[in-house]
């Protein structure tokens, strides 16, 4: 497509930029080129048709002149034959003028024959069909000069110069037969044959010329004929000459120096040509004029519509979406206007949607910032609670506020875990105190222990069992603390902005402390089992029992020191069946910090 667009641009590159920038000018230029080319073709066709018709007129005029020349030649041949035949008569051969006159008187010649004469060599008329001419002479005329000059013996000849006789132009035909004592002169009127060349129902006229001038004309005021036409007989060719008002065709008359010329008015000769030419011009001109008018009207309307559309498109491009685009046409421009209007509506809707989306994004951003602030504040509060818990205060709790499910779930899980840890720690503290008291009683009551070794062994076993249970509870608490740590790690990964790294570190510190307590508890359990074994095996060895009791006290002391670091609101006491009080059951005393 680009290549086509480039090709189209290149084809218009030869035109001025003012035309290339406007569709109307390009359209009008294209139509003008089409009109010029069409008009050029029409003019060429018109000229060709005109030349053809002109040639036909010239050919027809020339042909008419040739036919007239042939007809005149045949007419002259007839009179030559008459002169030849009369010249061969015996009385002419014998020079008997009276006999020839008798023949003339008795014979009737054609209406075009003015007179037939028997003329002596000196020009005297010896006999004639016109009695008044007998004994007259023909000297002083063109025919007389020809006779006195001597007529050659042979076929009759036409005297080149015509002359007037009885008010008409005549042609003289002279014949000198072999053995004749004179010549036969036939005078024939040229008006008869030449006038017959001009029918009354046809325009034009005919003239007869020789090299010196006009011999005869069928009209009173014939047009002048150029000399080259009058002398056309010299070459024996047929030429055509035209003037502004007439078309002439000429042809030589055989046996003479005459040239017959056919005259036609140009208006009549070229009437058909002019009608056809006018018709062709009308056929070509009317559509071209109509096309030009339609193009101007349509091009102007189209150009105005395109200019309006261009201006409105420019306003849309500048951001004015309130521009009115009315579809008043059903053609491509109307559809283009409708497309622009649809585009404008779509653009306006997209802008409105973008504005709404931006407002929604701003609201979402504000909500996200508010949530971030809330999470940061809550994380700070939780961090403070974790710090206090890591410092040993197991009475602190996180307060769920119902604003965020995940944070509330963390708070509840933490509170449950710390409550369980607080309970276990209180029990361990009581357990450590009981162990220390039991050790003191063992040291001071060696005798009693000796007597009640079985009871001591049972008590030691009970202590071991209780320590094992406490160890399991510590393991469960450690797992719960690890679960809390993993939960915080997940939330820290999901909400990096909360800053949970420090609380995680503190939770891990609590888990480490619990691991230490579990190890000490395990060591205490082992010591209790050792005491029980010693009590069973060495009931008699009081000193060894006292030493083992001292060892148990040494282990119980550090355990109590560690547990004393934790602040709790409840403590659980352990009572041994064989120990002080001999109660035989476990009781719990809950006391607050004020007790």
Protein backbone atom coordinates (compact mmCIF):
# COMPACT_ATOMS: atom_id res chain seq x y z
CA UNK A 1 0.00 0.00 0.00
CA UNK A 2 2.82 2.36 0.75
CA UNK A 3 4.30 1.72 -2.65
CA UNK A 4 0.98 2.62 -4.23
CA UNK A 5 0.77 5.79 -2.14
CA UNK A 6 4.32 6.72 -3.13
CA UNK A 7 3.55 6.04 -6.79
CA UNK A 8 0.47 8.25 -6.54
CA UNK A 9 2.50 11.03 -4.90
CA UNK A 10 5.21 10.75 -7.57
CA UNK A 11 2.60 11.04 -10.34
CA UNK A 12 1.44 14.38 -8.88
CA UNK A 13 4.95 15.64 -8.07
CA UNK A 14 5.19 17.45 -11.42
CA UNK A 15 2.32 19.74 -10.44
CA UNK A 16 2.65 22.86 -8.26
CA UNK A 17 2.26 22.34 -4.53
CA UNK A 18 -0.89 24.50 -4.48
CA UNK A 19 -2.60 21.91 -6.68
CA UNK A 20 -1.16 18.89 -4.87
CA UNK A 21 -2.42 20.13 -1.50
CA UNK A 22 -6.08 20.38 -2.57
CA UNK A 23 -8.22 17.54 -3.87
CA UNK A 24 -10.51 19.87 -5.82
CA UNK A 25 -7.65 21.34 -7.81
CA UNK A 26 -6.29 17.87 -8.54
CA UNK A 27 -9.77 16.75 -9.57
CA UNK A 28 -10.28 19.78 -11.80
CA UNK A 29 -6.80 19.34 -13.26
CA UNK A 30 -7.58 15.71 -14.07
CA UNK A 31 -10.90 16.65 -15.67
CA UNK A 32 -9.23 19.50 -17.58
CA UNK A 33 -6.64 17.07 -18.92
CA UNK A 34 -9.42 14.68 -19.94
CA UNK A 35 -11.32 17.52 -21.61
CA UNK A 36 -8.20 18.75 -23.42
CA UNK A 37 -7.31 15.24 -24.59
CA UNK A 38 -10.89 14.57 -25.64
CA UNK A 39 -11.09 17.93 -27.39
CA UNK A 40 -7.75 17.25 -29.08
CA UNK A 41 -8.95 13.89 -30.31
CA UNK A 42 -12.20 15.51 -31.43
CA UNK A 43 -10.35 18.28 -33.25
CA UNK A 44 -8.12 15.76 -34.99
CA UNK A 45 -11.18 13.71 -35.92
CA UNK A 46 -12.97 16.87 -37.03
CA UNK A 47 -10.05 17.98 -39.16
CA UNK A 48 -9.78 14.50 -40.64
CA UNK A 49 -13.49 14.44 -41.44
CA UNK A 50 -13.30 18.00 -42.78
CA UNK A 51 -10.34 17.12 -44.99
CA UNK A 52 -12.13 14.01 -46.22
CA UNK A 53 -15.31 15.92 -47.00
CA UNK A 54 -13.32 18.74 -48.60
CA UNK A 55 -11.51 16.20 -50.74
CA UNK A 56 -14.81 14.67 -51.72
CA UNK A 57 -16.19 18.08 -52.71
CA UNK A 58 -13.05 18.90 -54.68
CA UNK A 59 -13.12 15.50 -56.34
CA UNK A 60 -16.80 15.84 -57.21
CA UNK A 61 -16.27 19.33 -58.64
CA UNK A 62 -13.28 18.17 -60.67
CA UNK A 63 -15.18 15.13 -61.89
CA UNK A 64 -18.03 17.38 -62.97
CA UNK A 65 -15.60 19.56 -64.91
CA UNK A 66 -14.09 16.48 -66.56
CA UNK A 67 -17.52 15.20 -67.56
CA UNK A 68 -18.42 18.60 -68.99
CA UNK A 69 -15.12 18.72 -70.91
CA UNK A 70 -15.82 15.25 -72.32
CA UNK A 71 -19.35 16.28 -73.29
CA UNK A 72 -18.08 19.42 -75.00
CA UNK A 73 -15.43 17.37 -76.81
CA UNK A 74 -18.10 14.96 -78.06
CA UNK A 75 -20.23 17.92 -79.19
CA UNK A 76 -17.28 19.32 -81.13
CA UNK A 77 -16.58 15.86 -82.59
CA UNK A 78 -20.10 15.79 -83.97
CA UNK A 79 -19.59 19.07 -85.78
CA UNK A 80 -16.16 17.96 -86.99
CA UNK A 81 -17.80 14.90 -88.51
CA UNK A 82 -20.38 17.15 -90.20
CA UNK A 83 -17.61 19.29 -91.71
CA UNK A 84 -15.67 16.21 -92.81
CA UNK A 85 -18.70 14.57 -94.43
CA UNK A 86 -19.72 17.71 -96.33
CA UNK A 87 -16.12 18.17 -97.48
CA UNK A 88 -16.17 14.72 -99.05
CA UNK A 89 -19.23 15.49 -101.25
CA UNK A 90 -18.48 15.39 -105.02
CA UNK A 91 -19.84 18.86 -105.61
CA UNK A 92 -17.52 20.21 -102.94
CA UNK A 93 -14.68 18.25 -104.45
CA UNK A 94 -15.57 19.68 -107.87
CA UNK A 95 -15.97 23.21 -106.54
CA UNK A 96 -19.61 23.43 -107.69
CA UNK A 97 -20.87 26.18 -105.38
CA UNK A 98 -24.43 26.14 -106.76
CA UNK A 99 -24.76 22.43 -106.13
CA UNK A 100 -23.42 22.90 -102.61
CA UNK A 101 -25.92 25.69 -102.03
CA UNK A 102 -28.68 23.44 -103.23
CA UNK A 103 -27.53 20.86 -100.71
CA UNK A 104 -27.49 23.44 -97.93
CA UNK A 105 -30.93 24.61 -98.85
CA UNK A 106 -32.33 21.14 -98.89
CA UNK A 107 -30.63 19.93 -95.71
CA UNK A 108 -31.62 20.73 -92.14
CA UNK A 109 -28.91 20.90 -89.43
CA UNK A 110 -29.15 20.84 -85.63
CA UNK A 111 -30.52 23.78 -83.61
CA UNK A 112 -27.08 24.56 -82.24
CA UNK A 113 -25.71 25.10 -85.79
CA UNK A 114 -25.75 28.81 -86.58
CA UNK A 115 -24.57 28.30 -90.16
CA UNK A 116 -22.74 25.93 -92.49
CA UNK A 117 -20.59 27.64 -95.09
CA UNK A 118 -18.59 26.70 -98.14
CA UNK A 119 -15.67 29.16 -98.12
CA UNK A 120 -13.03 29.71 -100.75
CA UNK A 121 -9.41 29.80 -99.78
CA UNK A 122 -9.44 33.60 -99.89
CA UNK A 123 -12.21 33.80 -97.29
CA UNK A 124 -15.16 34.41 -99.64
CA UNK A 125 -18.33 32.57 -98.73
CA UNK A 126 -19.41 30.60 -101.81
CA UNK A 127 -22.44 28.89 -100.31
CA UNK A 128 -24.15 29.06 -96.93
CA UNK A 129 -27.19 27.95 -95.05
CA UNK A 130 -27.56 31.66 -94.33
CA UNK A 131 -28.27 33.20 -97.76
CA UNK A 132 -27.24 36.64 -96.55
CA UNK A 133 -23.68 35.49 -96.08
CA UNK A 134 -23.16 34.31 -99.67
CA UNK A 135 -20.52 36.35 -101.47
CA UNK A 136 -19.40 37.90 -98.17
CA UNK A 137 -16.02 37.40 -96.64
CA UNK A 138 -14.95 36.02 -93.23
CA UNK A 139 -11.70 37.89 -93.18
CA UNK A 140 -11.11 39.98 -90.12
CA UNK A 141 -12.35 37.24 -87.82
CA UNK A 142 -10.53 34.49 -86.03
CA UNK A 143 -11.92 31.89 -88.41
CA UNK A 144 -11.09 34.06 -91.41
CA UNK A 145 -7.50 34.35 -90.29
CA UNK A 146 -7.35 30.58 -89.92
CA UNK A 147 -8.78 30.05 -93.45
CA UNK A 148 -6.57 32.58 -95.18
CA UNK A 149 -3.61 31.17 -93.35
CA UNK A 150 -4.42 27.84 -94.89
CA UNK A 151 -6.41 25.02 -93.43
CA UNK A 152 -4.48 21.77 -93.37
CA UNK A 153 -5.93 19.00 -95.47
CA UNK A 154 -7.41 16.34 -93.23
CA UNK A 155 -9.93 16.07 -90.41
CA UNK A 156 -11.84 19.18 -89.47
CA UNK A 157 -10.41 21.38 -86.74
CA UNK A 158 -11.81 23.79 -84.20
CA UNK A 159 -10.67 27.36 -84.37
CA UNK A 160 -9.23 28.24 -80.98
CA UNK A 161 -10.84 31.65 -80.71
CA UNK A 162 -14.58 31.94 -80.51
CA UNK A 163 -16.47 34.85 -81.94
CA UNK A 164 -19.94 36.26 -82.01
CA UNK A 165 -22.46 35.46 -84.65
CA UNK A 166 -26.13 36.48 -84.58
CA UNK A 167 -25.77 37.57 -80.97
CA UNK A 168 -24.34 34.34 -79.75
CA UNK A 169 -20.88 33.01 -79.16
CA UNK A 170 -19.97 30.44 -81.74
CA UNK A 171 -17.18 28.03 -82.35
CA UNK A 172 -15.81 27.72 -85.81
CA UNK A 173 -15.07 24.23 -87.15
CA UNK A 174 -13.21 24.15 -90.45
CA UNK A 175 -12.54 21.14 -92.61
CA UNK A 176 -10.37 20.79 -95.73
CA UNK A 177 -10.95 17.46 -97.39
CA UNK A 178 -8.62 15.90 -99.90
CA UNK A 179 -9.27 17.24 -103.43
CA UNK A 180 -11.60 19.95 -102.19
CA UNK A 181 -11.51 23.37 -103.84
CA UNK A 182 -12.46 25.17 -100.58
CA UNK A 183 -13.14 24.60 -96.90
CA UNK A 184 -16.30 23.82 -95.00
CA UNK A 185 -16.97 26.16 -92.07
CA UNK A 186 -19.46 25.05 -89.44
CA UNK A 187 -20.45 27.75 -86.94
CA UNK A 188 -22.02 26.22 -83.82
CA UNK A 189 -23.40 28.07 -80.82
CA UNK A 190 -21.52 27.30 -77.58
CA UNK A 191 -24.53 28.35 -75.56
CA UNK A 192 -26.40 25.16 -76.34
CA UNK A 193 -23.98 22.60 -74.86
CA UNK A 194 -22.47 24.78 -72.14
CA UNK A 195 -25.81 26.06 -70.89
CA UNK A 196 -26.94 22.45 -70.59
CA UNK A 197 -24.20 21.89 -68.04
CA UNK A 198 -26.07 24.06 -65.50
CA UNK A 199 -29.42 22.54 -64.52
CA UNK A 200 -31.76 25.03 -62.95
CA UNK A 201 -32.21 22.89 -59.85
CA UNK A 202 -28.51 22.98 -59.06
CA UNK A 203 -26.30 25.78 -57.82
CA UNK A 204 -23.15 26.86 -59.60
CA UNK A 205 -22.25 27.78 -63.14
CA UNK A 206 -19.77 26.91 -65.91
CA UNK A 207 -17.25 29.00 -67.79
CA UNK A 208 -15.13 28.24 -70.84
CA UNK A 209 -11.64 29.69 -71.11
CA UNK A 210 -8.62 29.64 -73.30
CA UNK A 211 -5.13 30.78 -72.52
CA UNK A 212 -6.05 34.40 -73.23
CA UNK A 213 -9.23 34.69 -71.25
CA UNK A 214 -12.84 33.67 -70.90
CA UNK A 215 -14.65 32.45 -73.99
CA UNK A 216 -18.10 31.81 -72.64
CA UNK A 217 -19.99 31.88 -69.34
CA UNK A 218 -23.43 30.77 -68.27
CA UNK A 219 -23.82 33.78 -65.96
CA UNK A 220 -23.44 37.47 -66.50
CA UNK A 221 -20.78 38.16 -63.85
CA UNK A 222 -18.52 35.18 -63.52
CA UNK A 223 -15.59 35.14 -61.14
CA UNK A 224 -12.12 35.63 -62.44
CA UNK A 225 -10.15 32.48 -63.10
CA UNK A 226 -6.39 32.47 -62.41
CA UNK A 227 -4.07 32.20 -65.38
CA UNK A 228 -2.67 28.89 -64.19
CA UNK A 229 -6.18 27.44 -64.60
CA UNK A 230 -6.61 28.88 -68.08
CA UNK A 231 -3.28 27.38 -69.12
CA UNK A 232 -4.03 23.98 -67.58
CA UNK A 233 -4.49 22.57 -71.07
CA UNK A 234 -0.78 22.84 -71.62
CA UNK A 235 -0.12 20.02 -69.18
CA UNK A 236 -3.30 18.07 -69.82
CA UNK A 237 -3.79 17.59 -66.05
CA UNK A 238 -6.85 18.28 -63.85
CA UNK A 239 -6.37 20.71 -61.00
CA UNK A 240 -8.68 22.15 -58.35
CA UNK A 241 -8.64 25.73 -57.16
CA UNK A 242 -10.63 27.18 -54.28
CA UNK A 243 -11.31 30.73 -53.19
CA UNK A 244 -13.04 32.16 -50.19
CA UNK A 245 -16.45 32.18 -51.88
CA UNK A 246 -16.28 29.55 -54.60
CA UNK A 247 -14.95 26.12 -55.32
CA UNK A 248 -13.83 25.60 -58.93
CA UNK A 249 -12.99 22.46 -60.78
CA UNK A 250 -11.37 22.62 -64.21
CA UNK A 251 -10.59 20.23 -67.04
CA UNK A 252 -9.04 20.72 -70.52
CA UNK A 253 -11.10 20.12 -73.68
CA UNK A 254 -9.34 17.66 -75.98
CA UNK A 255 -8.19 18.98 -79.36
CA UNK A 256 -8.33 22.62 -78.20
CA UNK A 257 -6.57 24.95 -75.81
CA UNK A 258 -9.86 25.44 -74.02
CA UNK A 259 -10.40 24.79 -70.32
CA UNK A 260 -13.86 24.28 -68.95
CA UNK A 261 -14.29 25.47 -65.35
CA UNK A 262 -17.09 24.42 -63.01
CA UNK A 263 -17.94 27.03 -60.35
CA UNK A 264 -19.75 26.14 -57.09
CA UNK A 265 -20.53 28.50 -54.20
CA UNK A 266 -18.54 27.47 -51.14
CA UNK A 267 -21.69 27.55 -49.02
CA UNK A 268 -23.38 25.03 -51.31
CA UNK A 269 -20.30 22.93 -51.99
CA UNK A 270 -19.44 22.55 -48.33
CA UNK A 271 -22.97 22.54 -46.94
CA UNK A 272 -22.80 18.86 -46.05
CA UNK A 273 -19.30 19.31 -44.67
CA UNK A 274 -20.39 22.24 -42.54
CA UNK A 275 -23.45 20.36 -41.32
CA UNK A 276 -21.33 17.36 -40.37
CA UNK A 277 -18.70 19.62 -38.86
CA UNK A 278 -21.34 21.48 -36.88
CA UNK A 279 -22.83 18.17 -35.78
CA UNK A 280 -19.43 16.84 -34.70
CA UNK A 281 -18.69 20.06 -32.84
CA UNK A 282 -22.09 19.84 -31.17
CA UNK A 283 -21.61 16.17 -30.31
CA UNK A 284 -18.16 16.89 -28.89
CA UNK A 285 -18.76 20.33 -27.48
CA UNK A 286 -22.07 19.76 -25.74
CA UNK A 287 -20.82 16.84 -23.59
CA UNK A 288 -17.56 18.66 -22.89
CA UNK A 289 -19.37 21.84 -21.90
CA UNK A 290 -21.87 19.82 -19.87
CA UNK A 291 -19.03 17.84 -18.30
CA UNK A 292 -17.14 21.04 -17.55
CA UNK A 293 -20.21 22.60 -15.99
CA UNK A 294 -20.99 19.51 -13.95
CA UNK A 295 -17.37 19.24 -12.89
CA UNK A 296 -17.27 22.88 -11.84
CA UNK A 297 -20.51 22.57 -9.90
CA UNK A 298 -19.75 19.15 -8.44
CA UNK A 299 -16.10 19.99 -7.87
CA UNK A 300 -16.99 23.21 -6.11
CA UNK A 301 -19.56 21.47 -3.91
CA UNK A 302 -17.17 18.61 -3.24
CA UNK A 303 -14.31 21.02 -2.57
CA UNK A 304 -16.43 23.10 -0.19
CA UNK A 305 -17.58 19.94 1.59
CA UNK A 306 -14.01 18.68 1.89
CA UNK A 307 -12.80 22.07 3.14
CA UNK A 308 -15.55 22.15 5.77
CA UNK A 309 -14.71 18.60 6.77
CA UNK A 310 -11.00 19.49 6.89
CA UNK A 311 -11.67 22.49 9.15
CA UNK A 312 -13.84 20.46 11.49
CA UNK A 313 -11.31 17.63 11.52
CA UNK A 314 -8.68 20.22 12.47
CA UNK A 315 -10.87 21.38 15.36
CA UNK A 316 -11.27 17.77 16.47
CA UNK A 317 -7.50 17.37 16.23
CA UNK A 318 -7.13 20.46 18.45
CA UNK A 319 -9.37 18.82 21.05
CA UNK A 320 -12.73 20.42 20.27
CA UNK A 321 -15.10 17.46 20.46
CA UNK A 322 -18.23 19.65 20.50
CA UNK A 323 -17.97 20.38 16.78
CA UNK A 324 -21.10 19.50 14.81
CA UNK A 325 -20.73 17.09 11.87
CA UNK A 326 -23.92 16.87 9.82
CA UNK A 327 -24.29 14.20 7.13
CA UNK A 328 -26.04 16.02 4.30
CA UNK A 329 -24.73 13.85 1.44
CA UNK A 330 -25.21 10.20 0.56
CA UNK A 331 -21.92 9.77 -1.28
CA UNK A 332 -18.41 8.95 -0.05
CA UNK A 333 -18.02 12.41 1.49
CA UNK A 334 -21.23 11.93 3.44
CA UNK A 335 -20.06 8.54 4.65
CA UNK A 336 -16.67 10.06 5.51
CA UNK A 337 -18.44 12.79 7.49
CA UNK A 338 -20.47 10.13 9.31
CA UNK A 339 -17.26 8.21 10.03
CA UNK A 340 -15.64 11.36 11.43
CA UNK A 341 -18.70 11.99 13.59
CA UNK A 342 -18.64 8.38 14.82
CA UNK A 343 -14.93 8.74 15.53
CA UNK A 344 -15.63 11.97 17.43
CA UNK A 345 -18.32 10.27 19.53
CA UNK A 346 -16.05 7.27 20.19
CA UNK A 347 -13.18 9.59 21.09
CA UNK A 348 -15.39 11.51 23.48
CA UNK A 349 -16.58 8.27 25.10
CA UNK A 350 -13.01 7.00 25.39
CA UNK A 351 -11.94 10.28 26.99
CA UNK A 352 -14.84 10.07 29.44
CA UNK A 353 -13.94 6.47 30.21
CA UNK A 354 -10.31 7.48 30.67
CA UNK A 355 -11.34 10.26 33.03
CA UNK A 356 -13.55 7.87 34.99
CA UNK A 357 -10.75 5.31 35.08
CA UNK A 358 -8.33 7.99 36.27
CA UNK A 359 -10.74 9.04 39.01
CA UNK A 360 -11.20 5.40 40.00
CA UNK A 361 -7.44 4.94 39.98
CA UNK A 362 -7.04 8.00 42.18
CA UNK A 363 -9.65 6.62 44.59
CA UNK A 364 -7.96 3.21 44.55
CA UNK A 365 -4.60 4.86 45.11
CA UNK A 366 -6.00 6.81 48.06
CA UNK A 367 -7.49 3.63 49.46
CA UNK A 368 -4.22 1.80 48.91
CA UNK A 369 -2.30 4.59 50.64
CA UNK A 370 -4.81 4.54 53.50
CA UNK A 371 -4.45 0.76 53.74
CA UNK A 372 -0.68 1.10 53.66
CA UNK A 373 -0.78 3.67 56.45
CA UNK A 374 -3.08 1.40 58.45
CA UNK A 375 -0.85 -1.63 57.89
CA UNK A 376 2.24 0.35 58.82
CA UNK A 377 0.59 1.65 62.02
CA UNK A 378 -0.71 -1.82 62.91
CA UNK A 379 2.68 -3.33 62.13
CA UNK A 380 4.31 -0.77 64.43
CA UNK A 381 1.85 -1.69 67.21
CA UNK A 382 2.45 -5.39 66.65
CA UNK A 383 6.18 -4.78 66.57
CA UNK A 384 6.00 -3.07 69.97
CA UNK A 385 4.03 -6.02 71.38
CA UNK A 386 6.56 -8.48 69.94
CA UNK A 387 9.40 -6.44 71.42
CA UNK A 388 7.83 -6.55 74.88
CA UNK A 389 7.15 -10.26 74.48
CA UNK A 390 10.72 -10.88 73.39
CA UNK A 391 11.88 -8.93 76.46
CA UNK A 392 10.03 -11.45 78.66
CA UNK A 393 6.63 -9.87 79.24
CA UNK A 394 4.22 -12.65 78.35
CA UNK A 395 1.22 -10.67 79.56
CA UNK A 396 1.09 -8.38 76.54
CA UNK A 397 -1.51 -9.00 73.80
CA UNK A 398 -2.24 -7.76 70.29
CA UNK A 399 -5.59 -6.00 69.87
CA UNK A 400 -7.58 -7.03 66.68
CA UNK A 401 -9.53 -4.01 65.40
CA UNK A 402 -11.63 -5.72 62.72
CA UNK A 403 -10.21 -3.53 59.91
CA UNK A 404 -8.10 -6.17 58.15
CA UNK A 405 -8.76 -9.91 58.28
CA UNK A 406 -5.13 -10.96 57.81
CA UNK A 407 -3.84 -8.64 60.53
CA UNK A 408 -6.65 -9.71 62.88
CA UNK A 409 -5.78 -13.36 62.19
CA UNK A 410 -2.12 -12.69 63.03
CA UNK A 411 -3.15 -10.97 66.28
CA UNK A 412 -5.42 -13.82 67.33
CA UNK A 413 -2.85 -16.50 66.48
CA UNK A 414 -0.19 -14.56 68.36
CA UNK A 415 -2.41 -14.05 71.40
CA UNK A 416 -3.28 -17.76 71.50
CA UNK A 417 0.37 -18.73 71.22
CA UNK A 418 1.53 -16.26 73.89
CA UNK A 419 -1.28 -17.33 76.23
CA UNK A 420 -0.20 -20.96 75.88
CA UNK A 421 3.42 -19.92 76.34
CA UNK A 422 2.50 -17.89 79.44
CA UNK A 423 0.68 -20.87 80.92
CA UNK A 424 3.55 -23.24 80.20
CA UNK A 425 6.13 -20.80 81.57
CA UNK A 426 4.15 -20.40 84.81
CA UNK A 427 4.02 -24.15 85.19
CA UNK A 428 7.77 -24.40 84.60
CA UNK A 429 8.45 -21.74 87.21
CA UNK A 430 6.37 -23.64 89.75
CA UNK A 431 8.08 -26.82 88.66
CA UNK A 432 11.54 -25.29 89.21
CA UNK A 433 10.60 -24.04 92.66
CA UNK A 434 9.19 -27.42 93.58
CA UNK A 435 12.36 -29.09 92.39
CA UNK A 436 14.48 -26.74 94.52
CA UNK A 437 12.29 -27.29 97.57
CA UNK A 438 12.37 -31.02 97.02
CA UNK A 439 16.15 -30.95 96.87
CA UNK A 440 16.29 -29.05 100.15
CA UNK A 441 13.98 -31.53 101.75
CA UNK A 442 16.08 -34.38 100.41
CA UNK A 443 19.24 -32.91 101.93
CA UNK A 444 17.68 -32.21 105.30
CA UNK A 445 15.65 -35.36 105.44
CA UNK A 446 18.14 -38.00 104.56
CA UNK A 447 16.81 -40.23 107.20
CA UNK A 448 13.30 -39.81 106.01
CA UNK A 449 14.39 -40.52 102.48
CA UNK A 450 16.19 -43.57 103.59
CA UNK A 451 13.07 -44.85 105.16
CA UNK A 452 10.94 -43.80 102.29
CA UNK A 453 13.24 -44.58 99.40
CA UNK A 454 10.42 -46.09 97.51
CA UNK A 455 8.43 -42.93 97.93
CA UNK A 456 11.40 -40.87 96.79
CA UNK A 457 11.84 -43.13 93.78
CA UNK A 458 8.19 -42.76 92.91
CA UNK A 459 8.40 -39.00 93.39
CA UNK A 460 11.47 -38.86 91.16
CA UNK A 461 9.66 -40.90 88.54
CA UNK A 462 6.70 -38.56 88.81
CA UNK A 463 9.04 -35.58 88.37
CA UNK A 464 10.57 -37.25 85.32
CA UNK A 465 7.14 -37.91 83.89
CA UNK A 466 6.04 -34.36 84.55
CA UNK A 467 9.26 -33.03 83.02
CA UNK A 468 8.69 -35.18 79.94
CA UNK A 469 5.16 -33.79 79.63
CA UNK A 470 6.50 -30.29 80.04
CA UNK A 471 9.11 -31.04 77.37
CA UNK A 472 6.35 -32.12 74.97
CA UNK A 473 4.41 -28.94 75.79
CA UNK A 474 7.55 -26.89 75.08
CA UNK A 475 7.94 -28.67 71.73
CA UNK A 476 4.33 -27.86 70.83
CA UNK A 477 4.80 -24.25 71.89
CA UNK A 478 8.01 -24.08 69.83
CA UNK A 479 6.14 -25.42 66.79
CA UNK A 480 3.40 -22.82 67.33
CA UNK A 481 6.00 -20.07 67.61
CA UNK A 482 7.59 -21.36 64.39
CA UNK A 483 4.14 -21.31 62.74
CA UNK A 484 3.66 -17.70 63.88
CA UNK A 485 7.10 -16.88 62.47
CA UNK A 486 6.23 -18.49 59.12
CA UNK A 487 2.92 -16.58 59.02
CA UNK A 488 4.75 -13.34 59.65
CA UNK A 489 7.28 -14.25 56.97
CA UNK A 490 4.47 -14.74 54.44
CA UNK A 491 2.90 -11.42 55.34
CA UNK A 492 6.29 -9.79 55.20
CA UNK A 493 6.78 -11.17 51.66
CA UNK A 494 3.29 -10.01 50.61
CA UNK A 495 3.49 -6.63 52.33
CA UNK A 496 7.06 -5.45 52.15
CA UNK A 497 6.03 -1.99 53.33
CA UNK A 498 4.92 -3.34 56.75
CA UNK A 499 8.45 -3.72 58.10
CA UNK A 500 8.01 -7.09 59.92
CA UNK A 501 11.70 -7.99 59.93
CA UNK A 502 12.25 -6.84 63.53
CA UNK A 503 9.17 -8.66 64.93
CA UNK A 504 10.33 -11.81 63.12
CA UNK A 505 13.72 -11.49 64.72
CA UNK A 506 12.13 -11.20 68.11
CA UNK A 507 9.89 -14.22 67.56
CA UNK A 508 12.94 -16.22 66.54
CA UNK A 509 14.64 -15.06 69.78
CA UNK A 510 11.66 -16.36 71.79
CA UNK A 511 11.90 -19.67 69.92
CA UNK A 512 15.61 -19.89 70.77
CA UNK A 513 14.87 -19.22 74.46
CA UNK A 514 12.22 -21.94 74.45
CA UNK A 515 14.76 -24.33 72.91
CA UNK A 516 17.15 -23.54 75.75
CA UNK A 517 14.38 -24.13 78.30
CA UNK A 518 13.55 -27.44 76.63
CA UNK A 519 17.19 -28.53 76.87
CA UNK A 520 17.33 -27.61 80.56
CA UNK A 521 14.01 -29.40 81.10
CA UNK A 522 15.44 -32.47 79.41
CA UNK A 523 18.52 -32.30 81.62
CA UNK A 524 16.24 -31.93 84.67
CA UNK A 525 14.28 -34.99 83.57
CA UNK A 526 17.48 -36.95 83.24
CA UNK A 527 18.56 -35.78 86.68
CA UNK A 528 15.20 -36.77 88.17
CA UNK A 529 15.51 -40.21 86.62
CA UNK A 530 18.99 -40.49 88.03
CA UNK A 531 17.68 -39.54 91.49
CA UNK A 532 14.92 -42.09 91.23
CA UNK A 533 17.35 -44.76 90.21
CA UNK A 534 19.72 -43.86 92.97
CA UNK A 535 16.89 -43.91 95.52
CA UNK A 536 15.87 -47.38 94.43
CA UNK A 537 19.35 -48.81 94.11
CA UNK A 538 21.10 -47.11 97.00
CA UNK A 539 18.56 -46.63 99.68
CA UNK A 540 21.27 -47.25 102.24
CA UNK A 541 23.75 -44.80 100.83
CA UNK A 542 22.45 -41.52 102.26
CA UNK A 543 25.53 -39.61 101.39
CA UNK A 544 25.12 -40.49 97.74
CA UNK A 545 21.47 -39.45 97.90
CA UNK A 546 22.41 -36.13 99.45
CA UNK A 547 24.98 -35.57 96.71
CA UNK A 548 22.42 -36.38 94.00
CA UNK A 549 19.92 -34.05 95.67
CA UNK A 550 22.53 -31.29 95.63
CA UNK A 551 23.10 -31.95 91.93
CA UNK A 552 19.36 -31.74 91.29
CA UNK A 553 19.27 -28.42 93.10
CA UNK A 554 22.12 -27.13 90.97
CA UNK A 555 20.13 -27.89 87.81
CA UNK A 556 16.91 -26.47 89.21
CA UNK A 557 18.61 -23.18 90.10
CA UNK A 558 19.54 -22.14 86.53
CA UNK A 559 16.10 -23.25 85.33
CA UNK A 560 14.48 -20.98 87.86
CA UNK A 561 16.79 -18.12 86.89
CA UNK A 562 15.81 -18.47 83.23
CA UNK A 563 12.11 -18.73 83.96
CA UNK A 564 12.21 -15.77 86.31
CA UNK A 565 12.96 -13.55 83.33
CA UNK A 566 9.42 -14.10 82.03
CA UNK A 567 6.56 -12.07 83.44
CA UNK A 568 3.31 -14.02 83.78
CA UNK A 569 -0.07 -13.43 85.37
CA UNK A 570 -0.60 -17.08 86.39
CA UNK A 571 1.61 -19.73 88.00
CA UNK A 572 1.04 -23.46 88.33
CA UNK A 573 2.42 -25.40 91.32
CA UNK A 574 3.34 -29.05 91.27
CA UNK A 575 2.90 -31.17 94.48
CA UNK A 576 4.56 -34.54 94.88
CA UNK A 577 2.86 -37.39 96.79
CA UNK A 578 6.05 -38.06 98.75
CA UNK A 579 7.06 -34.44 99.09
CA UNK A 580 6.19 -31.79 101.63
CA UNK A 581 2.51 -31.66 102.52
CA UNK A 582 1.93 -35.12 101.04
CA UNK A 583 -1.18 -33.89 99.32
CA UNK A 584 -0.98 -36.31 96.40
CA UNK A 585 -2.60 -34.06 93.79
CA UNK A 586 -1.78 -31.03 91.63
CA UNK A 587 -3.37 -27.70 92.48
CA UNK A 588 -3.11 -24.39 90.74
CA UNK A 589 -3.14 -20.95 92.27
CA UNK A 590 -3.80 -18.06 89.92
CA UNK A 591 -2.47 -14.77 91.15
CA UNK A 592 -2.04 -11.43 89.49
CA UNK A 593 0.93 -9.10 89.67
CA UNK A 594 -0.49 -7.46 92.74
CA UNK A 595 -0.69 -10.59 94.89
